[in-house]
């Protein structure tokens, strides 16, 4: 298994210090990563920067673990949903250029008077529309467990089964299951054969005396991102299960806490290395 860090893990530093993708790549090299996870939200001039990013990655001997597309299929307008399909198809092309065969995709979330059935139908429709291109290009569309429509392992499994493509799989986010009150170990046991990418993440419950604003779960519990190993996720169980499954893909750190992200991510990398050894 190989270790990467998602650029989103450095989001607060990116905003505070006006980091570019190239600053992030330099950081990744400095903490001796195998690779980086890049996102569509951080381009300034995508067409111009792709070539430069490839050169920077080659210079630092880094790979791209995954390319993340920030899509949302849960939109009432068929025209708007078609734009989301186009966004993912463009992401497939970008992923190919960056040398990765993994695209992290979202499903979308409920809003207004929409029903669960409405949302899931549009998600399945959208992913099916993208799957043909993904199959042709041999690129995986890896659904991240996120939100109310694809937050639980059962929901992710159902969507994958309905799309019924060998190239629609799971980005297994170890922490997000806590937001829907699912035990990550149980989620892993359900999805273990569908995982092609992993977000290595952890949360803890907010303390009564803390004023920081965390993520609110479906039952109103406030969770705070933390360095993996300091929270509620049994990460050793998941890593051991991946080993048993002969998983040889990426473990990508995604830190969503309030500490200095440069220090927190370096510590997360060290802890993950210890787990893998």
Protein backbone atom coordinates (compact mmCIF):
# COMPACT_ATOMS: atom_id res chain seq x y z
CA UNK A 1 0.00 0.00 0.00
CA UNK A 2 1.13 3.52 -0.81
CA UNK A 3 0.64 6.74 1.15
CA UNK A 4 -0.62 10.05 -0.17
CA UNK A 5 -2.17 13.18 1.29
CA UNK A 6 -5.22 14.89 -0.15
CA UNK A 7 -4.62 18.53 -1.01
CA UNK A 8 -7.87 19.21 0.87
CA UNK A 9 -6.04 18.17 4.05
CA UNK A 10 -4.07 21.40 3.79
CA UNK A 11 -7.12 23.52 2.98
CA UNK A 12 -6.71 26.03 5.81
CA UNK A 13 -3.02 26.50 4.98
CA UNK A 14 -3.87 26.86 1.29
CA UNK A 15 -6.29 29.67 2.12
CA UNK A 16 -4.14 31.39 4.74
CA UNK A 17 -0.86 31.24 2.81
CA UNK A 18 -2.28 31.38 -0.74
CA UNK A 19 -0.74 28.05 -1.66
CA UNK A 20 -0.87 26.81 -5.24
CA UNK A 21 -0.86 23.17 -6.31
CA UNK A 22 2.90 23.53 -6.69
CA UNK A 23 3.33 24.59 -3.06
CA UNK A 24 1.38 21.50 -2.04
CA UNK A 25 3.56 19.27 -4.21
CA UNK A 26 6.68 20.76 -2.59
CA UNK A 27 5.20 20.04 0.84
CA UNK A 28 4.43 16.45 -0.18
CA UNK A 29 8.02 15.93 -1.27
CA UNK A 30 9.33 17.39 1.99
CA UNK A 31 7.43 14.82 4.08
CA UNK A 32 8.55 11.97 1.78
CA UNK A 33 5.16 10.96 0.40
CA UNK A 34 4.61 8.42 -2.35
CA UNK A 35 1.94 10.55 -3.97
CA UNK A 36 -0.66 13.29 -3.78
CA UNK A 37 -4.42 13.44 -4.18
CA UNK A 38 -5.46 16.43 -6.31
CA UNK A 39 -8.85 18.17 -6.57
CA UNK A 40 -10.64 20.06 -9.31
CA UNK A 41 -11.32 23.00 -6.97
CA UNK A 42 -7.68 24.10 -6.76
CA UNK A 43 -6.87 24.89 -10.38
CA UNK A 44 -6.17 28.51 -11.28
CA UNK A 45 -5.70 27.80 -15.00
CA UNK A 46 -6.26 24.09 -15.51
CA UNK A 47 -5.20 23.79 -19.14
CA UNK A 48 -1.97 25.66 -18.50
CA UNK A 49 -1.19 24.07 -15.15
CA UNK A 50 -1.67 20.38 -16.01
CA UNK A 51 1.60 20.22 -17.93
CA UNK A 52 3.41 22.12 -15.17
CA UNK A 53 1.97 19.84 -12.50
CA UNK A 54 3.14 16.76 -14.40
CA UNK A 55 6.63 18.24 -14.60
CA UNK A 56 6.66 19.06 -10.87
CA UNK A 57 5.48 15.55 -9.98
CA UNK A 58 8.15 14.00 -12.17
CA UNK A 59 10.82 16.25 -10.65
CA UNK A 60 9.86 15.14 -7.13
CA UNK A 61 9.20 11.49 -8.05
CA UNK A 62 5.57 11.70 -6.92
CA UNK A 63 2.47 9.99 -8.32
CA UNK A 64 -1.16 11.12 -8.28
CA UNK A 65 -3.17 8.75 -6.09
CA UNK A 66 -6.54 10.10 -7.24
CA UNK A 67 -8.15 13.08 -8.92
CA UNK A 68 -11.21 14.40 -7.09
CA UNK A 69 -14.21 15.77 -8.96
CA UNK A 70 -16.64 17.89 -6.96
CA UNK A 71 -19.90 16.83 -8.58
CA UNK A 72 -23.54 16.71 -7.47
CA UNK A 73 -26.12 14.68 -9.38
CA UNK A 74 -29.05 15.67 -7.16
CA UNK A 75 -30.44 18.51 -9.22
CA UNK A 76 -34.00 18.83 -10.49
CA UNK A 77 -33.02 20.03 -13.96
CA UNK A 78 -31.88 17.42 -16.49
CA UNK A 79 -29.70 20.11 -18.06
CA UNK A 80 -27.95 20.69 -14.73
CA UNK A 81 -27.45 16.96 -14.22
CA UNK A 82 -25.97 16.71 -17.71
CA UNK A 83 -23.41 19.34 -16.69
CA UNK A 84 -22.40 17.14 -13.76
CA UNK A 85 -21.91 14.19 -16.12
CA UNK A 86 -19.75 16.39 -18.34
CA UNK A 87 -17.75 17.45 -15.28
CA UNK A 88 -16.90 13.84 -14.48
CA UNK A 89 -16.09 12.99 -18.09
CA UNK A 90 -13.70 15.94 -18.13
CA UNK A 91 -12.27 14.61 -14.87
CA UNK A 92 -11.59 11.27 -16.54
CA UNK A 93 -9.51 13.05 -19.17
CA UNK A 94 -7.62 15.04 -16.53
CA UNK A 95 -6.98 11.89 -14.49
CA UNK A 96 -5.52 10.19 -17.56
CA UNK A 97 -3.21 13.15 -18.14
CA UNK A 98 -2.11 13.07 -14.50
CA UNK A 99 -1.41 9.34 -14.64
CA UNK A 100 -4.06 8.10 -12.22
CA UNK A 101 -6.89 5.64 -12.84
CA UNK A 102 -8.91 6.76 -9.81
CA UNK A 103 -11.46 9.57 -9.75
CA UNK A 104 -13.11 10.37 -6.44
CA UNK A 105 -16.74 11.22 -7.14
CA UNK A 106 -19.59 12.42 -4.98
CA UNK A 107 -23.23 11.50 -5.38
CA UNK A 108 -25.06 14.58 -4.11
CA UNK A 109 -27.34 15.38 -1.22
CA UNK A 110 -30.99 15.98 -0.43
CA UNK A 111 -32.47 19.46 -0.37
CA UNK A 112 -35.94 20.96 -0.38
CA UNK A 113 -38.77 18.47 -0.85
CA UNK A 114 -36.74 15.87 -2.73
CA UNK A 115 -37.14 12.26 -1.65
CA UNK A 116 -34.46 9.65 -1.15
CA UNK A 117 -35.81 7.83 -4.22
CA UNK A 118 -35.55 10.96 -6.38
CA UNK A 119 -31.97 11.51 -5.34
CA UNK A 120 -30.84 7.94 -5.76
CA UNK A 121 -32.44 7.64 -9.20
CA UNK A 122 -30.55 10.71 -10.42
CA UNK A 123 -27.29 9.47 -8.90
CA UNK A 124 -27.58 6.07 -10.58
CA UNK A 125 -28.60 7.71 -13.86
CA UNK A 126 -25.60 10.05 -13.72
CA UNK A 127 -23.07 7.40 -12.83
CA UNK A 128 -24.36 5.10 -15.56
CA UNK A 129 -23.90 7.94 -18.04
CA UNK A 130 -20.27 8.29 -16.92
CA UNK A 131 -19.49 4.59 -16.56
CA UNK A 132 -19.27 3.88 -20.28
CA UNK A 133 -16.49 6.45 -20.66
CA UNK A 134 -14.82 5.21 -17.47
CA UNK A 135 -14.83 1.64 -18.78
CA UNK A 136 -13.42 2.72 -22.13
CA UNK A 137 -10.62 4.68 -20.47
CA UNK A 138 -10.06 2.10 -17.69
CA UNK A 139 -10.59 4.72 -14.97
CA UNK A 140 -12.45 3.95 -11.73
CA UNK A 141 -15.23 6.22 -10.50
CA UNK A 142 -14.76 5.82 -6.76
CA UNK A 143 -17.79 6.97 -4.74
CA UNK A 144 -16.92 8.67 -1.47
CA UNK A 145 -19.30 7.89 1.39
CA UNK A 146 -20.62 11.37 2.05
CA UNK A 147 -23.95 12.98 2.88
CA UNK A 148 -27.44 11.59 3.37
CA UNK A 149 -27.75 9.69 0.09
CA UNK A 150 -24.40 7.92 0.10
CA UNK A 151 -23.20 8.33 3.67
CA UNK A 152 -23.85 4.77 4.84
CA UNK A 153 -22.13 1.68 3.51
CA UNK A 154 -25.48 0.12 2.60
CA UNK A 155 -26.31 3.15 0.43
CA UNK A 156 -22.94 3.08 -1.31
CA UNK A 157 -23.29 -0.65 -1.93
CA UNK A 158 -26.80 -0.21 -3.34
CA UNK A 159 -25.69 2.52 -5.74
CA UNK A 160 -22.69 0.51 -6.92
CA UNK A 161 -24.88 -2.54 -7.51
CA UNK A 162 -27.52 -0.54 -9.40
CA UNK A 163 -24.96 1.10 -11.68
CA UNK A 164 -23.49 -2.36 -12.24
CA UNK A 165 -20.16 -1.35 -13.75
CA UNK A 166 -16.77 -2.89 -12.94
CA UNK A 167 -15.42 0.66 -12.91
CA UNK A 168 -17.78 2.14 -10.31
CA UNK A 169 -16.40 1.36 -6.87
CA UNK A 170 -15.77 2.88 -3.41
CA UNK A 171 -13.55 5.59 -2.02
CA UNK A 172 -13.71 4.32 1.54
CA UNK A 173 -13.60 7.34 3.86
CA UNK A 174 -12.84 5.92 7.29
CA UNK A 175 -14.17 8.93 9.20
CA UNK A 176 -17.32 9.96 7.37
CA UNK A 177 -19.31 6.95 8.57
CA UNK A 178 -19.28 8.48 12.06
CA UNK A 179 -21.34 11.38 10.71
CA UNK A 180 -24.20 8.97 9.97
CA UNK A 181 -23.61 6.91 13.14
CA UNK A 182 -22.29 3.84 11.40
CA UNK A 183 -19.41 1.93 12.94
CA UNK A 184 -16.51 2.21 10.43
CA UNK A 185 -15.45 -1.39 11.08
CA UNK A 186 -18.90 -2.65 10.06
CA UNK A 187 -18.89 -0.39 7.01
CA UNK A 188 -15.53 -1.80 6.00
CA UNK A 189 -16.78 -5.36 6.30
CA UNK A 190 -19.65 -4.52 3.94
CA UNK A 191 -17.60 -2.66 1.32
CA UNK A 192 -14.19 -4.32 1.58
CA UNK A 193 -14.44 -6.00 -1.85
CA UNK A 194 -15.52 -2.76 -3.55
CA UNK A 195 -12.74 -0.47 -2.30
CA UNK A 196 -10.32 1.03 -4.84
CA UNK A 197 -9.27 4.11 -2.84
CA UNK A 198 -9.11 4.99 0.87
CA UNK A 199 -9.39 8.28 2.75
CA UNK A 200 -7.55 7.86 6.04
CA UNK A 201 -9.55 10.12 8.37
CA UNK A 202 -10.56 10.33 12.02
CA UNK A 203 -13.01 12.32 14.17
CA UNK A 204 -13.50 12.87 17.89
CA UNK A 205 -16.50 14.25 19.74
CA UNK A 206 -16.44 17.95 20.53
CA UNK A 207 -15.79 18.73 24.18
CA UNK A 208 -18.40 20.61 26.22
CA UNK A 209 -16.00 23.49 26.83
CA UNK A 210 -14.85 23.86 23.21
CA UNK A 211 -16.03 26.81 21.13
CA UNK A 212 -14.81 25.57 17.73
CA UNK A 213 -17.43 24.53 15.19
CA UNK A 214 -17.23 20.94 14.00
CA UNK A 215 -19.29 18.70 11.73
CA UNK A 216 -22.78 17.90 12.97
CA UNK A 217 -23.87 14.27 12.63
CA UNK A 218 -27.32 13.10 11.59
CA UNK A 219 -28.20 12.80 15.29
CA UNK A 220 -26.81 16.19 16.26
CA UNK A 221 -23.46 15.08 17.68
CA UNK A 222 -20.69 17.54 16.85
CA UNK A 223 -17.49 15.92 15.59
CA UNK A 224 -14.04 17.47 15.26
CA UNK A 225 -11.45 16.31 12.76
CA UNK A 226 -8.32 14.93 14.40
CA UNK A 227 -5.03 13.31 13.54
CA UNK A 228 -5.78 9.66 12.75
CA UNK A 229 -5.46 7.59 15.89
CA UNK A 230 -6.70 10.32 18.24
CA UNK A 231 -10.37 9.79 17.43
CA UNK A 232 -13.10 7.16 17.31
CA UNK A 233 -12.10 5.15 14.22
CA UNK A 234 -10.39 1.78 14.69
CA UNK A 235 -7.89 2.39 11.92
CA UNK A 236 -5.74 -0.65 12.71
CA UNK A 237 -8.76 -2.90 12.04
CA UNK A 238 -9.26 -1.32 8.63
CA UNK A 239 -5.58 -1.45 7.69
CA UNK A 240 -5.40 -5.10 8.75
CA UNK A 241 -8.51 -5.86 6.70
CA UNK A 242 -6.98 -4.17 3.66
CA UNK A 243 -3.86 -6.29 4.09
CA UNK A 244 -5.99 -9.44 4.29
CA UNK A 245 -7.72 -8.37 1.07
CA UNK A 246 -4.34 -7.87 -0.61
CA UNK A 247 -5.25 -4.25 -1.26
CA UNK A 248 -2.29 -2.64 -3.01
CA UNK A 249 -3.77 0.79 -3.68
CA UNK A 250 -3.49 4.14 -1.96
CA UNK A 251 -4.20 5.26 1.58
CA UNK A 252 -4.75 8.99 1.30
CA UNK A 253 -4.77 11.12 4.43
CA UNK A 254 -7.63 13.60 4.70
CA UNK A 255 -7.31 15.77 7.80
CA UNK A 256 -10.23 18.06 8.71
CA UNK A 257 -9.15 19.38 12.10
CA UNK A 258 -8.12 22.78 13.44
CA UNK A 259 -4.44 22.25 14.27
CA UNK A 260 -1.62 23.43 11.99
CA UNK A 261 -2.30 21.31 8.90
CA UNK A 262 1.36 21.03 7.93
CA UNK A 263 2.23 19.51 11.31
CA UNK A 264 -0.96 17.42 11.59
CA UNK A 265 -0.57 15.81 8.18
CA UNK A 266 3.09 14.99 8.78
CA UNK A 267 2.12 13.28 12.04
CA UNK A 268 -0.69 11.42 10.26
CA UNK A 269 1.79 10.15 7.66
CA UNK A 270 4.13 8.90 10.40
CA UNK A 271 1.29 7.10 12.18
CA UNK A 272 0.10 5.48 8.98
CA UNK A 273 3.61 4.28 8.20
CA UNK A 274 3.76 2.69 11.65
CA UNK A 275 0.46 0.89 11.00
CA UNK A 276 1.67 -0.43 7.66
CA UNK A 277 4.94 -1.77 9.06
